[in-house]
Amino acid sequence: PGVETTTGPLGQGFGQGVGMAIAATHLAAEFNKPGHEIIQSYIYGIVTDGDLMEGVASEAASLAGHLQLGRIIYLYDDNHISIDGSTDLAFTEDRGARFAAYGWHLQTVGDGNDVEAIDAALKAAKADPRPSLIAVRTTIGFGAPKKQGTSKAHGEPLGDEELNAAKENLGWPLEPRFLIPGDVLEFYREAVERGRQMETDWMKRFEAYKKAYPELGAELERRLNRELPKDWDADLPTFPADEKGMATRVSSGKTINALALKLPELVGGSADLTPSNNTLFEKAGDFQKDSAAGRYLRFGVREHAMGAALNGMNLFGGVIAYGGTFMVF
């Protein structure tokens, strides 16, 4: 609870966040009205050296930069350590320059324990129209005298002796084994009431939105509740068996066109294979940085990023996302 998605395979979360930002940007373009900015989501993520090494993250970052998905704010845990050892063994490029070339907003925070600097960077990221990467320099295993800053803090437990030494280094009680101080617990509990109030405020704004724009309000509510419109599956095409047969991409294209008429939330695209996959439906309109209400995504030759982004779009809600490529790709 409270975590939208967390992934095992590195880079997948990066790509899913890009998909979430696509969905949020599309819904905002479709439903927000002056004085009624009902979709305001920012997509926050913590990414690692491993994420930035993965090809899928490079694909997704390139796409996000092209689309100028300013709702993305990623914190890069820049600790210079991987399981094999120092990232210098295999990962020495200028990450900041790479993301700048993608069209991202770059910031650095020199100390991962400086929460004020991180907070200032987050505010600056929200004020910038580009997707943001904040490189935060950290020390893995901070405080552990023998293992901090090493791969041992990454790939194995600290162990009792090292754990106790870390607590002594940081002036922390050895017992109880896992301590949550009362003032910390009290501070975190404030989030419960703050979140409740924010939700209440949003619901009030949504009610005002529905009164001002009843048709749009009903449509958005239906989508967020993941309800399909009545008779969405009426008049779907059928394909009688015949000896010659019809290519599946042809029947798929006909079906997508029929569904698109009934499902305004259907949003999708292709990895640079639109005329081959028959994924473009009539009057879709391209989703681009200046036309985010469009329902068709040009993923480019980025099959893996497309797959991750589709997962993120469908998880975000309000859209039903599809994509097309060839299996061999």
Protein backbone atom coordinates (compact mmCIF):
# COMPACT_ATOMS: atom_id res chain seq x y z
CA PRO A 1 0.00 0.00 0.00
CA GLY A 2 1.28 3.41 -0.99
CA VAL A 3 3.66 2.10 -3.65
CA GLU A 4 2.27 2.27 -7.17
CA THR A 5 4.73 -0.24 -8.62
CA THR A 6 8.04 -1.82 -7.75
CA THR A 7 9.96 -4.05 -10.13
CA GLY A 8 12.56 -6.77 -10.01
CA PRO A 9 14.02 -6.55 -13.54
CA LEU A 10 16.06 -3.36 -13.64
CA GLY A 11 14.87 -0.63 -15.99
CA GLN A 12 11.28 -1.86 -16.03
CA GLY A 13 10.17 0.57 -13.33
CA PHE A 14 11.87 3.39 -15.23
CA GLY A 15 9.85 2.49 -18.33
CA GLN A 16 6.62 2.00 -16.39
CA GLY A 17 6.99 5.48 -14.92
CA VAL A 18 7.25 6.87 -18.44
CA GLY A 19 3.98 5.11 -19.25
CA MET A 20 2.34 6.55 -16.14
CA ALA A 21 3.44 10.02 -17.23
CA ILE A 22 2.01 9.44 -20.72
CA ALA A 23 -1.35 8.46 -19.20
CA ALA A 24 -1.36 11.41 -16.79
CA THR A 25 -0.42 13.86 -19.54
CA HIS A 26 -3.05 12.47 -21.90
CA LEU A 27 -5.83 12.59 -19.30
CA ALA A 28 -4.87 16.13 -18.29
CA ALA A 29 -5.03 17.26 -21.92
CA GLU A 30 -8.39 15.58 -22.40
CA PHE A 31 -10.14 16.52 -19.15
CA ASN A 32 -8.52 19.54 -17.49
CA LYS A 33 -10.30 22.86 -17.96
CA PRO A 34 -9.35 26.40 -16.85
CA GLY A 35 -9.94 26.59 -13.12
CA HIS A 36 -10.56 22.84 -13.01
CA GLU A 37 -7.12 21.17 -13.28
CA ILE A 38 -8.42 17.86 -12.00
CA ILE A 39 -5.46 15.72 -13.19
CA GLN A 40 -2.27 17.01 -11.55
CA SER A 41 -0.19 13.86 -11.06
CA TYR A 42 3.58 13.85 -10.92
CA ILE A 43 5.40 10.52 -11.33
CA TYR A 44 8.18 10.02 -8.79
CA GLY A 45 10.69 7.19 -8.92
CA ILE A 46 13.93 6.06 -7.33
CA VAL A 47 16.32 4.67 -9.94
CA THR A 48 19.74 3.09 -9.59
CA ASP A 49 22.98 2.60 -11.49
CA GLY A 50 21.59 -0.73 -12.63
CA ASP A 51 18.45 0.91 -14.00
CA LEU A 52 20.49 3.42 -15.98
CA MET A 53 22.67 0.65 -17.43
CA GLU A 54 19.68 -1.25 -18.82
CA GLY A 55 18.79 -0.72 -22.46
CA VAL A 56 15.06 -0.46 -21.74
CA ALA A 57 15.71 2.61 -19.56
CA SER A 58 17.69 4.26 -22.36
CA GLU A 59 14.81 3.65 -24.77
CA ALA A 60 12.27 4.99 -22.29
CA ALA A 61 14.38 8.04 -21.42
CA SER A 62 14.78 8.90 -25.09
CA LEU A 63 11.02 8.66 -25.61
CA ALA A 64 10.25 10.71 -22.49
CA GLY A 65 12.64 13.43 -23.62
CA HIS A 66 11.11 13.54 -27.08
CA LEU A 67 7.60 13.81 -25.63
CA GLN A 68 8.76 16.31 -22.97
CA LEU A 69 6.99 14.43 -20.18
CA GLY A 70 7.53 17.05 -17.50
CA ARG A 71 5.52 15.07 -14.95
CA ILE A 72 8.44 12.65 -14.46
CA ILE A 73 10.77 13.25 -11.50
CA TYR A 74 13.33 10.50 -10.89
CA LEU A 75 15.83 10.44 -8.03
CA TYR A 76 19.01 8.65 -9.11
CA ASP A 77 20.68 6.84 -6.20
CA ASP A 78 24.22 7.54 -7.39
CA ASN A 79 26.28 5.35 -5.04
CA HIS A 80 28.88 4.12 -7.59
CA ILE A 81 28.49 0.50 -6.45
CA SER A 82 27.14 -2.58 -8.23
CA ILE A 83 27.20 -6.23 -7.19
CA ASP A 84 30.53 -6.85 -8.95
CA GLY A 85 32.14 -3.84 -7.28
CA SER A 86 32.67 -0.23 -8.30
CA THR A 87 30.60 0.94 -11.26
CA ASP A 88 33.94 2.01 -12.78
CA LEU A 89 34.33 -1.63 -13.83
CA ALA A 90 31.68 -1.22 -16.54
CA PHE A 91 29.81 2.10 -16.28
CA THR A 92 31.92 5.22 -16.82
CA GLU A 93 29.96 7.40 -19.21
CA ASP A 94 28.75 10.87 -18.20
CA ARG A 95 25.19 10.03 -17.17
CA GLY A 96 24.22 13.67 -16.85
CA ALA A 97 25.39 14.49 -20.36
CA ARG A 98 23.49 11.48 -21.70
CA PHE A 99 20.22 12.60 -20.12
CA ALA A 100 20.80 16.20 -21.17
CA ALA A 101 21.11 14.90 -24.74
CA TYR A 102 17.77 13.12 -24.28
CA GLY A 103 16.20 16.48 -23.39
CA TRP A 104 15.91 15.96 -19.63
CA HIS A 105 16.36 18.49 -16.82
CA LEU A 106 19.45 17.51 -14.78
CA GLN A 107 20.30 18.38 -11.19
CA THR A 108 22.81 17.01 -8.69
CA VAL A 109 22.72 16.78 -4.91
CA GLY A 110 26.13 16.15 -3.39
CA ASP A 111 24.95 14.54 -0.14
CA GLY A 112 22.13 12.02 0.01
CA ASN A 113 21.57 12.89 3.68
CA ASP A 114 20.90 16.56 2.88
CA VAL A 115 17.11 16.45 2.84
CA GLU A 116 16.81 20.22 2.40
CA ALA A 117 18.86 20.09 -0.80
CA ILE A 118 16.79 17.17 -2.07
CA ASP A 119 13.58 19.06 -1.29
CA ALA A 120 14.84 22.12 -3.17
CA ALA A 121 15.75 19.94 -6.16
CA LEU A 122 12.27 18.38 -6.19
CA LYS A 123 10.68 21.84 -6.24
CA ALA A 124 12.94 22.92 -9.09
CA ALA A 125 12.06 19.75 -10.99
CA LYS A 126 8.33 20.45 -10.68
CA ALA A 127 8.89 23.96 -12.04
CA ASP A 128 10.70 22.71 -15.15
CA PRO A 129 8.69 21.55 -18.20
CA ARG A 130 11.12 18.74 -19.02
CA PRO A 131 11.36 15.28 -17.43
CA SER A 132 13.76 15.51 -14.50
CA LEU A 133 16.62 13.38 -13.21
CA ILE A 134 18.12 14.33 -9.85
CA ALA A 135 21.47 12.61 -9.27
CA VAL A 136 21.85 12.17 -5.50
CA ARG A 137 25.33 11.12 -4.33
CA THR A 138 24.97 8.51 -1.60
CA THR A 139 27.12 6.04 0.31
CA ILE A 140 25.81 2.50 0.28
CA GLY A 141 25.79 0.94 3.77
CA PHE A 142 26.30 4.39 5.32
CA GLY A 143 27.74 4.10 8.82
CA ALA A 144 28.89 0.47 8.60
CA PRO A 145 32.67 0.75 9.24
CA LYS A 146 33.87 -2.22 7.17
CA LYS A 147 31.24 -2.48 4.45
CA GLN A 148 30.04 1.05 3.67
CA GLY A 149 30.83 2.11 0.14
CA THR A 150 31.55 -1.46 -0.95
CA SER A 151 29.78 -4.16 -2.93
CA LYS A 152 29.47 -6.17 0.30
CA ALA A 153 26.85 -3.68 1.47
CA HIS A 154 24.96 -4.36 -1.77
CA GLY A 155 24.96 -8.11 -2.05
CA GLU A 156 25.03 -9.54 1.47
CA PRO A 157 23.58 -8.85 4.95
CA LEU A 158 25.66 -6.64 7.24
CA GLY A 159 25.67 -9.26 10.02
CA ASP A 160 25.26 -8.61 13.73
CA GLU A 161 28.79 -7.34 14.40
CA GLU A 162 28.78 -4.83 11.54
CA LEU A 163 25.21 -3.78 12.27
CA ASN A 164 26.04 -3.05 15.89
CA ALA A 165 29.16 -1.13 14.84
CA ALA A 166 27.08 0.95 12.43
CA LYS A 167 24.61 1.80 15.21
CA GLU A 168 27.47 2.84 17.50
CA ASN A 169 28.97 4.96 14.70
CA LEU A 170 25.66 6.76 14.25
CA GLY A 171 24.86 7.10 17.92
CA TRP A 172 21.91 4.72 17.72
CA PRO A 173 20.77 2.38 20.53
CA LEU A 174 21.71 -1.28 20.05
CA GLU A 175 18.37 -2.31 21.52
CA PRO A 176 15.58 -2.65 20.64
CA ARG A 177 16.73 -4.38 17.45
CA PHE A 178 14.47 -2.24 15.27
CA LEU A 179 13.71 1.16 16.80
CA ILE A 180 11.21 3.75 15.64
CA PRO A 181 11.61 6.77 17.94
CA GLY A 182 8.37 8.33 19.16
CA ASP A 183 8.92 11.68 17.42
CA VAL A 184 9.61 9.91 14.12
CA LEU A 185 6.46 7.81 14.43
CA GLU A 186 4.44 10.91 15.29
CA PHE A 187 5.84 12.75 12.27
CA TYR A 188 4.97 9.93 9.88
CA ARG A 189 1.50 9.55 11.36
CA GLU A 190 0.82 13.16 10.31
CA ALA A 191 0.85 11.90 6.73
CA VAL A 192 -2.35 9.93 7.41
CA GLU A 193 -4.38 13.02 8.23
CA ARG A 194 -2.63 15.11 5.58
CA GLY A 195 -3.42 12.50 2.94
CA ARG A 196 -7.02 12.24 4.10
CA GLN A 197 -7.40 16.02 3.82
CA MET A 198 -5.81 16.11 0.36
CA GLU A 199 -8.17 13.38 -0.83
CA THR A 200 -11.16 15.23 0.63
CA ASP A 201 -10.06 18.45 -1.08
CA TRP A 202 -9.64 16.65 -4.41
CA MET A 203 -13.09 15.05 -4.15
CA LYS A 204 -14.61 18.49 -3.53
CA ARG A 205 -12.85 19.83 -6.61
CA PHE A 206 -14.01 16.82 -8.60
CA GLU A 207 -17.61 17.42 -7.54
CA ALA A 208 -17.29 21.04 -8.70
CA TYR A 209 -15.79 19.78 -11.97
CA LYS A 210 -18.71 17.40 -12.52
CA LYS A 211 -21.19 20.22 -11.98
CA ALA A 212 -19.36 22.48 -14.44
CA TYR A 213 -18.71 19.71 -16.99
CA PRO A 214 -21.23 16.91 -16.31
CA GLU A 215 -20.48 14.82 -19.41
CA LEU A 216 -16.71 14.98 -18.99
CA GLY A 217 -17.04 14.35 -15.27
CA ALA A 218 -19.15 11.24 -15.81
CA GLU A 219 -16.72 9.98 -18.46
CA LEU A 220 -13.65 10.49 -16.27
CA GLU A 221 -15.34 8.85 -13.29
CA ARG A 222 -16.26 5.83 -15.42
CA ARG A 223 -12.71 5.44 -16.62
CA LEU A 224 -11.10 5.85 -13.21
CA ASN A 225 -13.50 3.22 -11.85
CA ARG A 226 -12.39 0.93 -14.70
CA GLU A 227 -15.93 0.49 -15.95
CA LEU A 228 -16.61 -0.17 -19.62
CA PRO A 229 -19.34 1.77 -21.45
CA LYS A 230 -22.63 0.07 -22.19
CA ASP A 231 -22.67 -2.08 -25.35
CA TRP A 232 -18.93 -1.60 -25.86
CA ASP A 233 -18.75 -5.00 -27.52
CA ALA A 234 -21.74 -4.56 -29.83
CA ASP A 235 -21.07 -4.65 -33.56
CA LEU A 236 -17.60 -6.10 -33.31
CA PRO A 237 -16.42 -7.54 -36.63
CA THR A 238 -16.50 -11.27 -37.19
CA PHE A 239 -14.20 -13.21 -39.46
CA PRO A 240 -15.64 -16.41 -40.99
CA ALA A 241 -13.18 -19.21 -41.58
CA ASP A 242 -11.99 -19.56 -45.13
CA GLU A 243 -9.27 -21.48 -46.90
CA LYS A 244 -7.17 -18.46 -47.77
CA GLY A 245 -7.54 -16.92 -44.33
CA MET A 246 -6.98 -13.34 -43.19
CA ALA A 247 -3.70 -12.14 -41.72
CA THR A 248 -4.07 -11.61 -37.98
CA ARG A 249 -2.70 -8.07 -38.27
CA VAL A 250 -5.54 -7.29 -40.68
CA SER A 251 -8.25 -8.71 -38.43
CA SER A 252 -6.59 -7.03 -35.46
CA GLY A 253 -6.66 -3.68 -37.24
CA LYS A 254 -10.34 -4.02 -38.04
CA THR A 255 -11.08 -4.95 -34.42
CA ILE A 256 -9.06 -2.03 -33.04
CA ASN A 257 -10.98 0.37 -35.28
CA ALA A 258 -14.31 -1.04 -34.06
CA LEU A 259 -13.27 -0.87 -30.40
CA ALA A 260 -11.88 2.66 -30.75
CA LEU A 261 -15.36 3.93 -31.65
CA LYS A 262 -16.82 2.54 -28.43
CA LEU A 263 -13.85 3.00 -26.08
CA PRO A 264 -12.55 6.59 -26.02
CA GLU A 265 -10.01 5.45 -23.44
CA LEU A 266 -8.32 3.14 -25.95
CA VAL A 267 -4.83 4.56 -26.47
CA GLY A 268 -1.94 2.81 -28.14
CA GLY A 269 0.61 2.63 -30.85
CA SER A 270 3.40 0.75 -32.53
CA ALA A 271 7.18 0.47 -32.40
CA ASP A 272 7.67 2.08 -35.84
CA LEU A 273 5.54 -0.57 -37.56
CA THR A 274 2.24 1.26 -37.93
CA PRO A 275 1.45 0.34 -41.56
CA SER A 276 2.65 -3.24 -41.01
CA ASN A 277 0.82 -3.85 -37.71
CA ASN A 278 -2.37 -1.97 -38.67
CA THR A 279 -2.42 -0.41 -35.21
CA LEU A 280 -3.57 3.08 -36.22
CA PHE A 281 -7.32 3.62 -36.00
CA GLU A 282 -9.29 6.35 -37.76
CA LYS A 283 -9.25 9.84 -36.21
CA ALA A 284 -6.83 8.74 -33.49
CA GLY A 285 -4.56 11.77 -33.68
CA ASP A 286 -0.91 11.52 -32.65
CA PHE A 287 0.13 11.93 -29.03
CA GLN A 288 3.00 14.42 -29.15
CA LYS A 289 4.30 17.08 -26.77
CA ASP A 290 2.01 19.67 -28.39
CA SER A 291 -0.96 17.34 -28.92
CA ALA A 292 -1.23 15.23 -25.77
CA ALA A 293 -4.94 14.58 -26.28
CA GLY A 294 -4.03 12.39 -29.25
CA ARG A 295 -4.67 8.69 -28.83
CA TYR A 296 -1.91 7.26 -31.02
CA LEU A 297 1.65 6.80 -29.74
CA ARG A 298 4.68 6.72 -32.03
CA PHE A 299 7.00 4.63 -29.86
CA GLY A 300 9.76 4.55 -32.46
CA VAL A 301 12.03 1.53 -32.65
CA ARG A 302 11.79 1.00 -28.89
CA GLU A 303 9.94 -2.29 -28.40
CA HIS A 304 11.09 -2.88 -24.83
CA ALA A 305 10.24 0.65 -23.69
CA MET A 306 6.85 0.28 -25.35
CA GLY A 307 6.12 -2.88 -23.36
CA ALA A 308 7.12 -1.27 -20.05
CA ALA A 309 5.26 1.97 -20.84
CA LEU A 310 2.06 0.09 -21.69
CA ASN A 311 2.23 -1.58 -18.27
CA GLY A 312 2.59 1.83 -16.63
CA MET A 313 -0.27 3.35 -18.62
CA ASN A 314 -2.67 0.56 -17.73
CA LEU A 315 -1.58 0.65 -14.08
CA PHE A 316 -2.13 4.41 -13.88
CA GLY A 317 -5.72 4.00 -15.05
CA GLY A 318 -8.09 6.10 -17.12
CA VAL A 319 -6.77 4.53 -20.33
CA ILE A 320 -6.69 1.09 -21.91
CA ALA A 321 -3.31 0.83 -23.60
CA TYR A 322 -2.23 -1.45 -26.43
CA GLY A 323 0.88 -1.77 -28.57
CA GLY A 324 2.05 -3.61 -31.63
CA THR A 325 5.27 -5.14 -32.94
CA PHE A 326 6.43 -8.44 -34.42
CA MET A 327 7.16 -11.31 -32.04
CA VAL A 328 10.67 -11.78 -33.41
CA PHE A 329 11.41 -8.16 -32.49
